[in-house]
Amino acid sequence: MSGALWAAPALAWAAPALAAQEGQAPAAADPLAAAQSADAPAQRKGLEQWLQTVSAAARSLNYSGVFITQRGDEISTSSLVHYVLPQGHFERIETLDGQRRIMVSLNDEVRTSWPDYRLTLIDNQAGQASFPRLLKTTDGEVDRNYRLERGGLQRCAGFECRVSTLLPRDDLRWGYRLWSLRDSQLLVKAQTLDAAGHVINQVAFTELKINVAPRQSLVRDSLHQPPGYAVEQMKVVPVSLQSQGWALSSQVPGFKTVGVFRRSMSVGSKPSEVLQWLLSDGLASVSIFVQSAADLSEPVAPEQRVGGTLALSRRIGDSWLTVMGAVPERTLRRISEAIVRVQ
């Protein structure tokens, strides 16, 4: 899971006064041909294959609803619509409390609008993994880092769901408790658990409708750019760590690089550029942001925490690094301390 429990990515450097969210690691591959029943023993398929099915259900079904996200003492509510259309996957998420933010995606293009600022940010978040999708990698990392315990049935958002707990195999990652529909295995609720089993982050549907008919008027209106908005286009270029001059002096078991991107845009008349380096263990994500210290308009706190998500910042030469993730503090500090300049 992402450090901010699948919150929509919106980097703090992209626009002043807009809240920072954690970047997302790449999601699972295309949906499986058919979802298997949650009542079949998941161990027979393997944890990762089962999570692929859970993620596939989130991509292959039409659904709408309202979900809540809790990070520490902060609770937010959002509406969500997901359609599979002839032109591709359509999704619309709108915050229902606090500052209004509307995120509309069609396939890989994501448009995030802030009506209060009359601003739209266009970004290519290819393969983003947001609730109710889960899986970040598909090469056996999840089975090596977690084990599955199957629970009983519980009602959630009006549906009977199977409860599953993912227990970490070491102390470098948190555990997770998941509620999924018995038939399609669509994820309905997810909790991040600390070492003592306490809930530190959670996200859950409070209202959910499955197999809804697409509202073509909603799709049309959502894809139409509102007049009078400033539009910022983020340029995303995949790069190699070696070409950017960064490396890890030591590896943190289970975590590996799943993407490195250079993101650039102009905020007003000022150009801004950041390197985003993504690590994942298959579920948990750690994002490393590298920015020129000269581009910062105000000081950055060395440590910030929201719920189970921690961000550590420090300066290396002329660069400012921020390492962010919903992982144990020891894990994040090991990653942060291992980052070195190699050129």
C-alpha atoms as a PDB file:
ATOM      1  CA  MET A   1       0.000   0.000   0.000  1.00  0.00           C
ATOM      2  CA  SER A   2       1.030   3.507  -0.495  1.00  0.00           C
ATOM      3  CA  GLY A   3       2.300   5.496   2.417  1.00  0.00           C
ATOM      4  CA  ALA A   4      -0.734   7.745   2.262  1.00  0.00           C
ATOM      5  CA  LEU A   5      -3.089   4.807   1.764  1.00  0.00           C
ATOM      6  CA  TRP A   6      -3.633   5.287  -1.964  1.00  0.00           C
ATOM      7  CA  ALA A   7      -4.223   9.071  -1.768  1.00  0.00           C
ATOM      8  CA  ALA A   8      -4.089  10.807  -5.174  1.00  0.00           C
ATOM      9  CA  PRO A   9      -0.534  11.913  -6.002  1.00  0.00           C
ATOM     10  CA  ALA A  10      -0.017  15.725  -5.808  1.00  0.00           C
ATOM     11  CA  LEU A  11       3.535  16.794  -5.044  1.00  0.00           C
ATOM     12  CA  ALA A  12       3.971  19.801  -2.774  1.00  0.00           C
ATOM     13  CA  TRP A  13       6.418  21.466  -5.164  1.00  0.00           C
ATOM     14  CA  ALA A  14       3.842  21.415  -7.945  1.00  0.00           C
ATOM     15  CA  ALA A  15       1.752  24.303  -6.579  1.00  0.00           C
ATOM     16  CA  PRO A  16       2.071  26.542  -3.494  1.00  0.00           C
ATOM     17  CA  ALA A  17      -0.386  25.891  -0.656  1.00  0.00           C
ATOM     18  CA  LEU A  18      -1.442  22.518  -2.088  1.00  0.00           C
ATOM     19  CA  ALA A  19      -1.032  19.595   0.303  1.00  0.00           C
ATOM     20  CA  ALA A  20       1.744  17.078  -0.388  1.00  0.00           C
ATOM     21  CA  GLN A  21       0.720  13.519  -1.106  1.00  0.00           C
ATOM     22  CA  GLU A  22       2.886  10.469  -1.530  1.00  0.00           C
ATOM     23  CA  GLY A  23       3.754   9.329  -5.064  1.00  0.00           C
ATOM     24  CA  GLN A  24       2.486   5.964  -6.155  1.00  0.00           C
ATOM     25  CA  ALA A  25       4.470   2.992  -7.285  1.00  0.00           C
ATOM     26  CA  PRO A  26       3.483   1.097 -10.425  1.00  0.00           C
ATOM     27  CA  ALA A  27       0.350  -1.008 -10.105  1.00  0.00           C
ATOM     28  CA  ALA A  28      -0.389  -4.576 -11.046  1.00  0.00           C
ATOM     29  CA  ALA A  29      -0.548  -5.884 -14.600  1.00  0.00           C
ATOM     30  CA  ASP A  30      -3.773  -5.997 -16.633  1.00  0.00           C
ATOM     31  CA  PRO A  31      -6.819  -7.655 -14.987  1.00  0.00           C
ATOM     32  CA  LEU A  32      -7.000 -11.419 -14.812  1.00  0.00           C
ATOM     33  CA  ALA A  33      -9.498 -13.060 -17.106  1.00  0.00           C
ATOM     34  CA  ALA A  34     -11.828 -13.922 -14.218  1.00  0.00           C
ATOM     35  CA  ALA A  35     -11.891 -13.357 -10.456  1.00  0.00           C
ATOM     36  CA  GLN A  36     -11.767 -16.520  -8.362  1.00  0.00           C
ATOM     37  CA  SER A  37     -13.929 -17.040  -5.311  1.00  0.00           C
ATOM     38  CA  ALA A  38     -12.628 -15.690  -2.016  1.00  0.00           C
ATOM     39  CA  ASP A  39     -13.908 -18.824  -0.328  1.00  0.00           C
ATOM     40  CA  ALA A  40     -11.253 -20.941  -2.090  1.00  0.00           C
ATOM     41  CA  PRO A  41      -8.086 -21.242   0.000  1.00  0.00           C
ATOM     42  CA  ALA A  42      -5.882 -18.315  -1.031  1.00  0.00           C
ATOM     43  CA  GLN A  43      -2.757 -20.265  -0.165  1.00  0.00           C
ATOM     44  CA  ARG A  44      -3.561 -22.593  -3.066  1.00  0.00           C
ATOM     45  CA  LYS A  45      -2.961 -19.686  -5.439  1.00  0.00           C
ATOM     46  CA  GLY A  46      -0.307 -17.846  -3.465  1.00  0.00           C
ATOM     47  CA  LEU A  47      -0.658 -14.475  -1.807  1.00  0.00           C
ATOM     48  CA  GLU A  48       0.562 -12.488  -4.785  1.00  0.00           C
ATOM     49  CA  GLN A  49      -1.781 -14.176  -7.245  1.00  0.00           C
ATOM     50  CA  TRP A  50      -4.715 -13.523  -4.919  1.00  0.00           C
ATOM     51  CA  LEU A  51      -3.742  -9.841  -4.625  1.00  0.00           C
ATOM     52  CA  GLN A  52      -3.533  -9.660  -8.405  1.00  0.00           C
ATOM     53  CA  THR A  53      -7.146 -10.823  -8.480  1.00  0.00           C
ATOM     54  CA  VAL A  54      -8.124  -8.187  -5.899  1.00  0.00           C
ATOM     55  CA  SER A  55      -6.412  -5.469  -7.945  1.00  0.00           C
ATOM     56  CA  ALA A  56      -7.881  -6.828 -11.181  1.00  0.00           C
ATOM     57  CA  ALA A  57     -11.417  -6.557  -9.791  1.00  0.00           C
ATOM     58  CA  ALA A  58     -10.831  -2.857  -9.119  1.00  0.00           C
ATOM     59  CA  ARG A  59      -9.904  -2.344 -12.780  1.00  0.00           C
ATOM     60  CA  SER A  60     -12.443  -4.610 -14.485  1.00  0.00           C
ATOM     61  CA  LEU A  61     -15.664  -3.608 -12.675  1.00  0.00           C
ATOM     62  CA  ASN A  62     -17.940  -0.580 -12.889  1.00  0.00           C
ATOM     63  CA  TYR A  63     -18.629   0.818  -9.419  1.00  0.00           C
ATOM     64  CA  SER A  64     -19.316   4.013  -7.529  1.00  0.00           C
ATOM     65  CA  GLY A  65     -19.377   4.993  -3.898  1.00  0.00           C
ATOM     66  CA  VAL A  66     -18.083   7.087  -1.030  1.00  0.00           C
ATOM     67  CA  PHE A  67     -14.976   6.177   0.940  1.00  0.00           C
ATOM     68  CA  ILE A  68     -13.267   7.559   4.015  1.00  0.00           C
ATOM     69  CA  THR A  69      -9.525   7.796   4.562  1.00  0.00           C
ATOM     70  CA  GLN A  70      -8.057   8.019   8.062  1.00  0.00           C
ATOM     71  CA  ARG A  71      -4.415   8.885   8.720  1.00  0.00           C
ATOM     72  CA  GLY A  72      -3.845   9.376  12.428  1.00  0.00           C
ATOM     73  CA  ASP A  73      -6.380  11.925  13.651  1.00  0.00           C
ATOM     74  CA  GLU A  74      -7.089  13.164  10.125  1.00  0.00           C
ATOM     75  CA  ILE A  75     -10.216  11.822   8.421  1.00  0.00           C
ATOM     76  CA  SER A  76     -11.326  12.746   4.905  1.00  0.00           C
ATOM     77  CA  THR A  77     -14.268  11.677   2.746  1.00  0.00           C
ATOM     78  CA  SER A  78     -14.266  11.302  -1.031  1.00  0.00           C
ATOM     79  CA  SER A  79     -16.616  10.131  -3.750  1.00  0.00           C
ATOM     80  CA  LEU A  80     -15.365   7.692  -6.373  1.00  0.00           C
ATOM     81  CA  VAL A  81     -16.676   6.577  -9.766  1.00  0.00           C
ATOM     82  CA  HIS A  82     -14.936   3.937 -11.879  1.00  0.00           C
ATOM     83  CA  TYR A  83     -16.083   2.892 -15.359  1.00  0.00           C
ATOM     84  CA  VAL A  84     -14.640   0.576 -17.997  1.00  0.00           C
ATOM     85  CA  LEU A  85     -15.431   2.376 -21.265  1.00  0.00           C
ATOM     86  CA  PRO A  86     -14.666   1.595 -24.924  1.00  0.00           C
ATOM     87  CA  GLN A  87     -11.977   4.301 -24.808  1.00  0.00           C
ATOM     88  CA  GLY A  88     -10.431   2.879 -21.625  1.00  0.00           C
ATOM     89  CA  HIS A  89     -10.554   3.116 -17.843  1.00  0.00           C
ATOM     90  CA  PHE A  90     -12.289   6.225 -16.461  1.00  0.00           C
ATOM     91  CA  GLU A  91     -12.114   7.286 -12.818  1.00  0.00           C
ATOM     92  CA  ARG A  92     -13.294  10.371 -10.956  1.00  0.00           C
ATOM     93  CA  ILE A  93     -12.474  11.093  -7.307  1.00  0.00           C
ATOM     94  CA  GLU A  94     -13.696  14.226  -5.515  1.00  0.00           C
ATOM     95  CA  THR A  95     -13.003  15.257  -1.926  1.00  0.00           C
ATOM     96  CA  LEU A  96     -16.224  15.913  -0.001  1.00  0.00           C
ATOM     97  CA  ASP A  97     -14.752  17.792   2.935  1.00  0.00           C
ATOM     98  CA  GLY A  98     -11.892  20.210   3.410  1.00  0.00           C
ATOM     99  CA  GLN A  99     -10.319  21.762   0.350  1.00  0.00           C
ATOM    100  CA  ARG A 100     -12.102  20.669  -2.813  1.00  0.00           C
ATOM    101  CA  ARG A 101     -10.007  18.571  -5.172  1.00  0.00           C
ATOM    102  CA  ILE A 102     -11.230  16.655  -8.216  1.00  0.00           C
ATOM    103  CA  MET A 103      -9.068  14.002  -9.855  1.00  0.00           C
ATOM    104  CA  VAL A 104     -10.198  12.657 -13.229  1.00  0.00           C
ATOM    105  CA  SER A 105      -8.257   9.991 -15.074  1.00  0.00           C
ATOM    106  CA  LEU A 106      -8.715   8.309 -18.410  1.00  0.00           C
ATOM    107  CA  ASN A 107      -6.194   5.510 -18.813  1.00  0.00           C
ATOM    108  CA  ASP A 108      -2.790   7.022 -17.950  1.00  0.00           C
ATOM    109  CA  GLU A 109      -3.657  10.739 -18.070  1.00  0.00           C
ATOM    110  CA  VAL A 110      -4.664  12.298 -14.750  1.00  0.00           C
ATOM    111  CA  ARG A 111      -6.204  15.761 -14.413  1.00  0.00           C
ATOM    112  CA  THR A 112      -6.275  17.126 -10.866  1.00  0.00           C
ATOM    113  CA  SER A 113      -8.238  20.343 -10.368  1.00  0.00           C
ATOM    114  CA  TRP A 114      -8.447  22.664  -7.378  1.00  0.00           C
ATOM    115  CA  PRO A 115     -11.543  24.887  -7.893  1.00  0.00           C
ATOM    116  CA  ASP A 116     -10.501  27.233  -5.051  1.00  0.00           C
ATOM    117  CA  TYR A 117      -7.295  28.012  -6.970  1.00  0.00           C
ATOM    118  CA  ARG A 118      -8.856  27.635 -10.442  1.00  0.00           C
ATOM    119  CA  LEU A 119      -5.917  25.424 -11.273  1.00  0.00           C
ATOM    120  CA  THR A 120      -5.652  22.116 -13.167  1.00  0.00           C
ATOM    121  CA  LEU A 121      -2.546  19.936 -13.137  1.00  0.00           C
ATOM    122  CA  ILE A 122      -2.224  17.430 -15.987  1.00  0.00           C
ATOM    123  CA  ASP A 123       0.034  14.503 -15.188  1.00  0.00           C
ATOM    124  CA  ASN A 124       0.818  11.127 -16.670  1.00  0.00           C
ATOM    125  CA  GLN A 125       0.634   8.788 -13.677  1.00  0.00           C
ATOM    126  CA  ALA A 126       0.987   5.589 -15.676  1.00  0.00           C
ATOM    127  CA  GLY A 127       0.237   2.531 -13.577  1.00  0.00           C
ATOM    128  CA  GLN A 128      -0.717   4.400 -10.432  1.00  0.00           C
ATOM    129  CA  ALA A 129      -2.067   2.233  -7.645  1.00  0.00           C
ATOM    130  CA  SER A 130      -4.891   3.893  -5.745  1.00  0.00           C
ATOM    131  CA  PHE A 131      -7.692   2.506  -3.588  1.00  0.00           C
ATOM    132  CA  PRO A 132      -9.163  -0.013  -4.178  1.00  0.00           C
ATOM    133  CA  ARG A 133      -6.189  -1.271  -6.218  1.00  0.00           C
ATOM    134  CA  LEU A 134      -3.317  -2.765  -4.248  1.00  0.00           C
ATOM    135  CA  LEU A 135      -0.435  -4.544  -5.846  1.00  0.00           C
ATOM    136  CA  LYS A 136       2.740  -2.636  -6.782  1.00  0.00           C
ATOM    137  CA  THR A 137       4.922  -5.434  -8.183  1.00  0.00           C
ATOM    138  CA  THR A 138       4.216  -8.877  -9.623  1.00  0.00           C
ATOM    139  CA  ASP A 139       7.459 -10.843  -9.344  1.00  0.00           C
ATOM    140  CA  GLY A 140       7.074 -12.678  -6.055  1.00  0.00           C
ATOM    141  CA  GLU A 141       8.073  -9.842  -3.716  1.00  0.00           C
ATOM    142  CA  VAL A 142       4.799  -9.991  -1.774  1.00  0.00           C
ATOM    143  CA  ASP A 143       5.106 -13.703  -0.985  1.00  0.00           C
ATOM    144  CA  ARG A 144       8.694 -13.191   0.189  1.00  0.00           C
ATOM    145  CA  ASN A 145       7.782 -10.268   2.449  1.00  0.00           C
ATOM    146  CA  TYR A 146       4.323 -11.195   3.800  1.00  0.00           C
ATOM    147  CA  ARG A 147       2.248 -14.206   4.755  1.00  0.00           C
ATOM    148  CA  LEU A 148      -1.534 -14.517   4.611  1.00  0.00           C
ATOM    149  CA  GLU A 149      -3.995 -15.424   7.364  1.00  0.00           C
ATOM    150  CA  ARG A 150      -7.605 -15.926   6.318  1.00  0.00           C
ATOM    151  CA  GLY A 151     -10.384 -14.787   8.638  1.00  0.00           C
ATOM    152  CA  GLY A 152     -14.142 -15.048   8.676  1.00  0.00           C
ATOM    153  CA  LEU A 153     -16.916 -13.039   7.073  1.00  0.00           C
ATOM    154  CA  GLN A 154     -17.929  -9.516   8.094  1.00  0.00           C
ATOM    155  CA  ARG A 155     -20.325  -6.952   6.664  1.00  0.00           C
ATOM    156  CA  CYS A 156     -18.787  -3.800   5.260  1.00  0.00           C
ATOM    157  CA  ALA A 157     -20.602  -1.046   3.320  1.00  0.00           C
ATOM    158  CA  GLY A 158     -23.627  -3.349   3.200  1.00  0.00           C
ATOM    159  CA  PHE A 159     -21.775  -6.300   1.639  1.00  0.00           C
ATOM    160  CA  GLU A 160     -20.595  -9.598   3.073  1.00  0.00           C
ATOM    161  CA  CYS A 161     -16.802  -9.573   2.887  1.00  0.00           C
ATOM    162  CA  ARG A 162     -13.978 -12.002   3.557  1.00  0.00           C
ATOM    163  CA  VAL A 163     -11.420 -10.665   6.051  1.00  0.00           C
ATOM    164  CA  SER A 164      -7.747 -11.368   5.325  1.00  0.00           C
ATOM    165  CA  THR A 165      -4.652 -10.329   7.281  1.00  0.00           C
ATOM    166  CA  LEU A 166      -1.238  -9.879   5.690  1.00  0.00           C
ATOM    167  CA  LEU A 167       1.488 -10.361   8.291  1.00  0.00           C
ATOM    168  CA  PRO A 168       5.037  -9.100   7.657  1.00  0.00           C
ATOM    169  CA  ARG A 169       7.843 -11.644   7.761  1.00  0.00           C
ATOM    170  CA  ASP A 170      10.211  -9.155   9.475  1.00  0.00           C
ATOM    171  CA  ASP A 171      10.137  -5.846  11.360  1.00  0.00           C
ATOM    172  CA  LEU A 172      10.847  -3.664   8.301  1.00  0.00           C
ATOM    173  CA  ARG A 173       7.221  -3.350   7.173  1.00  0.00           C
ATOM    174  CA  TRP A 174       3.719  -3.035   8.600  1.00  0.00           C
ATOM    175  CA  GLY A 175       0.897  -5.539   8.350  1.00  0.00           C
ATOM    176  CA  TYR A 176      -2.468  -5.110   6.625  1.00  0.00           C
ATOM    177  CA  ARG A 177      -6.056  -6.217   7.212  1.00  0.00           C
ATOM    178  CA  LEU A 178      -8.267  -6.397   4.114  1.00  0.00           C
ATOM    179  CA  TRP A 179     -11.990  -6.778   3.504  1.00  0.00           C
ATOM    180  CA  SER A 180     -12.895  -8.027   0.002  1.00  0.00           C
ATOM    181  CA  LEU A 181     -16.153  -9.075  -1.643  1.00  0.00           C
ATOM    182  CA  ARG A 182     -16.698 -12.846  -1.702  1.00  0.00           C
ATOM    183  CA  ASP A 183     -17.556 -13.042  -5.397  1.00  0.00           C
ATOM    184  CA  SER A 184     -15.445 -10.510  -7.296  1.00  0.00           C
ATOM    185  CA  GLN A 185     -12.934  -9.912  -4.466  1.00  0.00           C
ATOM    186  CA  LEU A 186     -13.168  -6.140  -4.942  1.00  0.00           C
ATOM    187  CA  LEU A 187     -11.458  -4.449  -2.012  1.00  0.00           C
ATOM    188  CA  VAL A 188     -13.959  -2.700   0.274  1.00  0.00           C
ATOM    189  CA  LYS A 189     -11.825  -1.797   3.288  1.00  0.00           C
ATOM    190  CA  ALA A 190      -8.125  -1.852   4.202  1.00  0.00           C
ATOM    191  CA  GLN A 191      -6.206  -1.116   7.373  1.00  0.00           C
ATOM    192  CA  THR A 192      -2.486  -0.646   7.957  1.00  0.00           C
ATOM    193  CA  LEU A 193      -1.383  -2.262  11.226  1.00  0.00           C
ATOM    194  CA  ASP A 194       1.655  -1.524  13.362  1.00  0.00           C
ATOM    195  CA  ALA A 195       3.761  -4.196  15.066  1.00  0.00           C
ATOM    196  CA  ALA A 196       1.279  -4.426  17.950  1.00  0.00           C
ATOM    197  CA  GLY A 197      -1.691  -4.788  15.603  1.00  0.00           C
ATOM    198  CA  HIS A 198      -2.982  -1.244  16.134  1.00  0.00           C
ATOM    199  CA  VAL A 199      -4.601   0.528  13.190  1.00  0.00           C
ATOM    200  CA  ILE A 200      -2.460   3.459  12.004  1.00  0.00           C
ATOM    201  CA  ASN A 201      -4.054   4.140   8.585  1.00  0.00           C
ATOM    202  CA  GLN A 202      -7.262   2.919   7.017  1.00  0.00           C
ATOM    203  CA  VAL A 203      -9.510   3.459   4.026  1.00  0.00           C
ATOM    204  CA  ALA A 204     -13.004   2.055   3.550  1.00  0.00           C
ATOM    205  CA  PHE A 205     -16.112   2.397   1.438  1.00  0.00           C
ATOM    206  CA  THR A 206     -19.111   3.613   3.439  1.00  0.00           C
ATOM    207  CA  GLU A 207     -21.343   3.471   0.350  1.00  0.00           C
ATOM    208  CA  LEU A 208     -20.746   1.192  -2.618  1.00  0.00           C
ATOM    209  CA  LYS A 209     -22.661   0.211  -5.770  1.00  0.00           C
ATOM    210  CA  ILE A 210     -21.359  -2.551  -8.053  1.00  0.00           C
ATOM    211  CA  ASN A 211     -21.938  -3.046 -11.789  1.00  0.00           C
ATOM    212  CA  VAL A 212     -23.378   0.430 -12.260  1.00  0.00           C
ATOM    213  CA  ALA A 213     -24.166   1.715 -15.748  1.00  0.00           C
ATOM    214  CA  PRO A 214     -21.742   4.440 -16.900  1.00  0.00           C
ATOM    215  CA  ARG A 215     -23.181   7.960 -16.748  1.00  0.00           C
ATOM    216  CA  GLN A 216     -22.052   9.362 -20.073  1.00  0.00           C
ATOM    217  CA  SER A 217     -22.936  12.934 -19.042  1.00  0.00           C
ATOM    218  CA  LEU A 218     -20.646  12.625 -16.002  1.00  0.00           C
ATOM    219  CA  VAL A 219     -17.815  11.301 -18.167  1.00  0.00           C
ATOM    220  CA  ARG A 220     -18.278  14.075 -20.727  1.00  0.00           C
ATOM    221  CA  ASP A 221     -18.475  16.862 -18.156  1.00  0.00           C
ATOM    222  CA  SER A 222     -15.526  15.494 -16.166  1.00  0.00           C
ATOM    223  CA  LEU A 223     -13.250  15.354 -19.216  1.00  0.00           C
ATOM    224  CA  HIS A 224     -14.175  18.906 -20.247  1.00  0.00           C
ATOM    225  CA  GLN A 225     -11.657  21.483 -19.024  1.00  0.00           C
ATOM    226  CA  PRO A 226     -13.444  24.199 -16.973  1.00  0.00           C
ATOM    227  CA  PRO A 227     -13.077  27.679 -18.491  1.00  0.00           C
ATOM    228  CA  GLY A 228     -10.929  30.239 -16.706  1.00  0.00           C
ATOM    229  CA  TYR A 229      -8.608  27.693 -15.076  1.00  0.00           C
ATOM    230  CA  ALA A 230      -4.840  27.913 -15.262  1.00  0.00           C
ATOM    231  CA  VAL A 231      -3.541  24.640 -16.731  1.00  0.00           C
ATOM    232  CA  GLU A 232      -0.120  23.285 -15.783  1.00  0.00           C
ATOM    233  CA  GLN A 233       1.327  20.345 -17.734  1.00  0.00           C
ATOM    234  CA  MET A 234       3.753  18.134 -15.858  1.00  0.00           C
ATOM    235  CA  LYS A 235       6.415  16.519 -17.998  1.00  0.00           C
ATOM    236  CA  VAL A 236       7.402  13.062 -16.789  1.00  0.00           C
ATOM    237  CA  VAL A 237      10.518  11.410 -18.201  1.00  0.00           C
ATOM    238  CA  PRO A 238      11.740   7.968 -17.056  1.00  0.00           C
ATOM    239  CA  VAL A 239      15.450   8.090 -16.212  1.00  0.00           C
ATOM    240  CA  SER A 240      18.088   5.825 -14.690  1.00  0.00           C
ATOM    241  CA  LEU A 241      19.547   6.349 -11.235  1.00  0.00           C
ATOM    242  CA  GLN A 242      23.026   6.094 -12.684  1.00  0.00           C
ATOM    243  CA  SER A 243      22.374   8.954 -15.101  1.00  0.00           C
ATOM    244  CA  GLN A 244      21.091  11.113 -12.234  1.00  0.00           C
ATOM    245  CA  GLY A 245      24.059  10.340  -9.992  1.00  0.00           C
ATOM    246  CA  TRP A 246      22.266   8.667  -7.058  1.00  0.00           C
ATOM    247  CA  ALA A 247      22.467   5.235  -5.466  1.00  0.00           C
ATOM    248  CA  LEU A 248      21.876   3.283  -2.265  1.00  0.00           C
ATOM    249  CA  SER A 249      25.045   2.419  -0.361  1.00  0.00           C
ATOM    250  CA  SER A 250      23.223  -0.573   1.155  1.00  0.00           C
ATOM    251  CA  GLN A 251      19.971  -2.334   0.342  1.00  0.00           C
ATOM    252  CA  VAL A 252      17.001  -2.600   2.702  1.00  0.00           C
ATOM    253  CA  PRO A 253      15.732  -6.209   2.545  1.00  0.00           C
ATOM    254  CA  GLY A 254      12.571  -6.575   0.494  1.00  0.00           C
ATOM    255  CA  PHE A 255      12.605  -3.080  -1.027  1.00  0.00           C
ATOM    256  CA  LYS A 256      13.753  -2.488  -4.559  1.00  0.00           C
ATOM    257  CA  THR A 257      13.570   0.293  -7.123  1.00  0.00           C
ATOM    258  CA  VAL A 258      10.398   0.101  -9.228  1.00  0.00           C
ATOM    259  CA  GLY A 259      10.649   3.457 -11.017  1.00  0.00           C
ATOM    260  CA  VAL A 260      12.744   6.609 -11.413  1.00  0.00           C
ATOM    261  CA  PHE A 261      11.249   9.703 -13.048  1.00  0.00           C
ATOM    262  CA  ARG A 262      12.242  13.290 -13.626  1.00  0.00           C
ATOM    263  CA  ARG A 263       9.219  15.553 -13.276  1.00  0.00           C
ATOM    264  CA  SER A 264       9.255  19.144 -14.465  1.00  0.00           C
ATOM    265  CA  MET A 265       6.733  21.947 -14.816  1.00  0.00           C
ATOM    266  CA  SER A 266       6.352  25.680 -14.386  1.00  0.00           C
ATOM    267  CA  VAL A 267       4.569  27.001 -11.304  1.00  0.00           C
ATOM    268  CA  GLY A 268       3.533  30.454 -12.475  1.00  0.00           C
ATOM    269  CA  SER A 269       6.625  31.697 -14.289  1.00  0.00           C
ATOM    270  CA  LYS A 270       9.075  29.706 -12.194  1.00  0.00           C
ATOM    271  CA  PRO A 271      10.261  26.343 -13.556  1.00  0.00           C
ATOM    272  CA  SER A 272      10.441  23.508 -11.058  1.00  0.00           C
ATOM    273  CA  GLU A 273      11.998  20.074 -11.396  1.00  0.00           C
ATOM    274  CA  VAL A 274      12.178  17.086  -9.083  1.00  0.00           C
ATOM    275  CA  LEU A 275      13.519  13.550  -9.292  1.00  0.00           C
ATOM    276  CA  GLN A 276      11.089  10.928  -7.992  1.00  0.00           C
ATOM    277  CA  TRP A 277      12.594   7.579  -7.028  1.00  0.00           C
ATOM    278  CA  LEU A 278      10.175   4.805  -6.057  1.00  0.00           C
ATOM    279  CA  LEU A 279      10.915   1.758  -3.909  1.00  0.00           C
ATOM    280  CA  SER A 280       8.449  -1.024  -3.096  1.00  0.00           C
ATOM    281  CA  ASP A 281       8.251  -4.399  -1.406  1.00  0.00           C
ATOM    282  CA  GLY A 282       5.176  -5.338  -3.433  1.00  0.00           C
ATOM    283  CA  LEU A 283       2.698  -3.570  -1.124  1.00  0.00           C
ATOM    284  CA  ALA A 284       4.430  -0.823   0.850  1.00  0.00           C
ATOM    285  CA  SER A 285       5.907   2.098  -1.083  1.00  0.00           C
ATOM    286  CA  VAL A 286       8.690   4.523  -0.263  1.00  0.00           C
ATOM    287  CA  SER A 287       9.056   7.669  -2.378  1.00  0.00           C
ATOM    288  CA  ILE A 288      12.320   9.594  -2.573  1.00  0.00           C
ATOM    289  CA  PHE A 289      12.095  13.149  -3.908  1.00  0.00           C
ATOM    290  CA  VAL A 290      15.305  14.959  -4.897  1.00  0.00           C
ATOM    291  CA  GLN A 291      15.140  18.693  -5.605  1.00  0.00           C
ATOM    292  CA  SER A 292      17.643  21.499  -5.972  1.00  0.00           C
ATOM    293  CA  ALA A 293      17.950  23.299  -2.636  1.00  0.00           C
ATOM    294  CA  ALA A 294      18.016  26.604  -4.559  1.00  0.00           C
ATOM    295  CA  ASP A 295      14.450  25.954  -5.803  1.00  0.00           C
ATOM    296  CA  LEU A 296      12.969  25.838  -2.297  1.00  0.00           C
ATOM    297  CA  SER A 297      11.021  28.950  -1.371  1.00  0.00           C
ATOM    298  CA  GLU A 298      10.793  28.102   2.336  1.00  0.00           C
ATOM    299  CA  PRO A 299      12.553  25.819   4.835  1.00  0.00           C
ATOM    300  CA  VAL A 300      11.620  22.133   4.909  1.00  0.00           C
ATOM    301  CA  ALA A 301      11.037  20.432   8.262  1.00  0.00           C
ATOM    302  CA  PRO A 302      13.503  17.571   8.810  1.00  0.00           C
ATOM    303  CA  GLU A 303      10.677  15.295   9.968  1.00  0.00           C
ATOM    304  CA  GLN A 304       6.918  15.303   9.378  1.00  0.00           C
ATOM    305  CA  ARG A 305       4.365  12.652  10.328  1.00  0.00           C
ATOM    306  CA  VAL A 306       0.693  12.110   9.467  1.00  0.00           C
ATOM    307  CA  GLY A 307      -0.738   8.909  10.916  1.00  0.00           C
ATOM    308  CA  GLY A 308       1.564   6.077   9.880  1.00  0.00           C
ATOM    309  CA  THR A 309       3.160   8.117   7.094  1.00  0.00           C
ATOM    310  CA  LEU A 310       6.555   9.641   7.902  1.00  0.00           C
ATOM    311  CA  ALA A 311       8.625  12.041   5.808  1.00  0.00           C
ATOM    312  CA  LEU A 312      12.343  12.611   6.480  1.00  0.00           C
ATOM    313  CA  SER A 313      14.204  15.466   4.774  1.00  0.00           C
ATOM    314  CA  ARG A 314      17.894  16.357   4.642  1.00  0.00           C
ATOM    315  CA  ARG A 315      20.358  18.149   2.442  1.00  0.00           C
ATOM    316  CA  ILE A 316      23.139  16.466   0.468  1.00  0.00           C
ATOM    317  CA  GLY A 317      25.355  19.035  -1.254  1.00  0.00           C
ATOM    318  CA  ASP A 318      23.165  21.254  -3.418  1.00  0.00           C
ATOM    319  CA  SER A 319      20.198  18.842  -3.297  1.00  0.00           C
ATOM    320  CA  TRP A 320      17.336  18.473  -0.861  1.00  0.00           C
ATOM    321  CA  LEU A 321      16.043  14.937  -0.288  1.00  0.00           C
ATOM    322  CA  THR A 322      12.684  13.914   1.138  1.00  0.00           C
ATOM    323  CA  VAL A 323      12.016  10.223   1.856  1.00  0.00           C
ATOM    324  CA  MET A 324       8.343   9.389   2.512  1.00  0.00           C
ATOM    325  CA  GLY A 325       6.412   6.229   3.260  1.00  0.00           C
ATOM    326  CA  ALA A 326       4.009   4.358   5.542  1.00  0.00           C
ATOM    327  CA  VAL A 327       6.639   1.974   6.852  1.00  0.00           C
ATOM    328  CA  PRO A 328       8.317   1.542  10.255  1.00  0.00           C
ATOM    329  CA  GLU A 329      10.569   4.462  11.154  1.00  0.00           C
ATOM    330  CA  ARG A 330      13.651   2.205  11.228  1.00  0.00           C
ATOM    331  CA  THR A 331      12.990   1.257   7.601  1.00  0.00           C
ATOM    332  CA  LEU A 332      12.612   4.821   6.404  1.00  0.00           C
ATOM    333  CA  ARG A 333      15.749   5.939   8.260  1.00  0.00           C
ATOM    334  CA  ARG A 334      17.768   3.050   6.816  1.00  0.00           C
ATOM    335  CA  ILE A 335      16.715   4.040   3.324  1.00  0.00           C
ATOM    336  CA  SER A 336      17.342   7.735   3.939  1.00  0.00           C
ATOM    337  CA  GLU A 337      20.808   7.148   5.401  1.00  0.00           C
ATOM    338  CA  ALA A 338      21.750   4.822   2.530  1.00  0.00           C
ATOM    339  CA  ILE A 339      21.174   7.443  -0.198  1.00  0.00           C
ATOM    340  CA  VAL A 340      24.489   8.669  -1.596  1.00  0.00           C
ATOM    341  CA  ARG A 341      25.713  10.911  -4.415  1.00  0.00           C
ATOM    342  CA  VAL A 342      27.839   8.969  -6.888  1.00  0.00           C
ATOM    343  CA  GLN A 343      28.800  11.766  -9.265  1.00  0.00           C
END
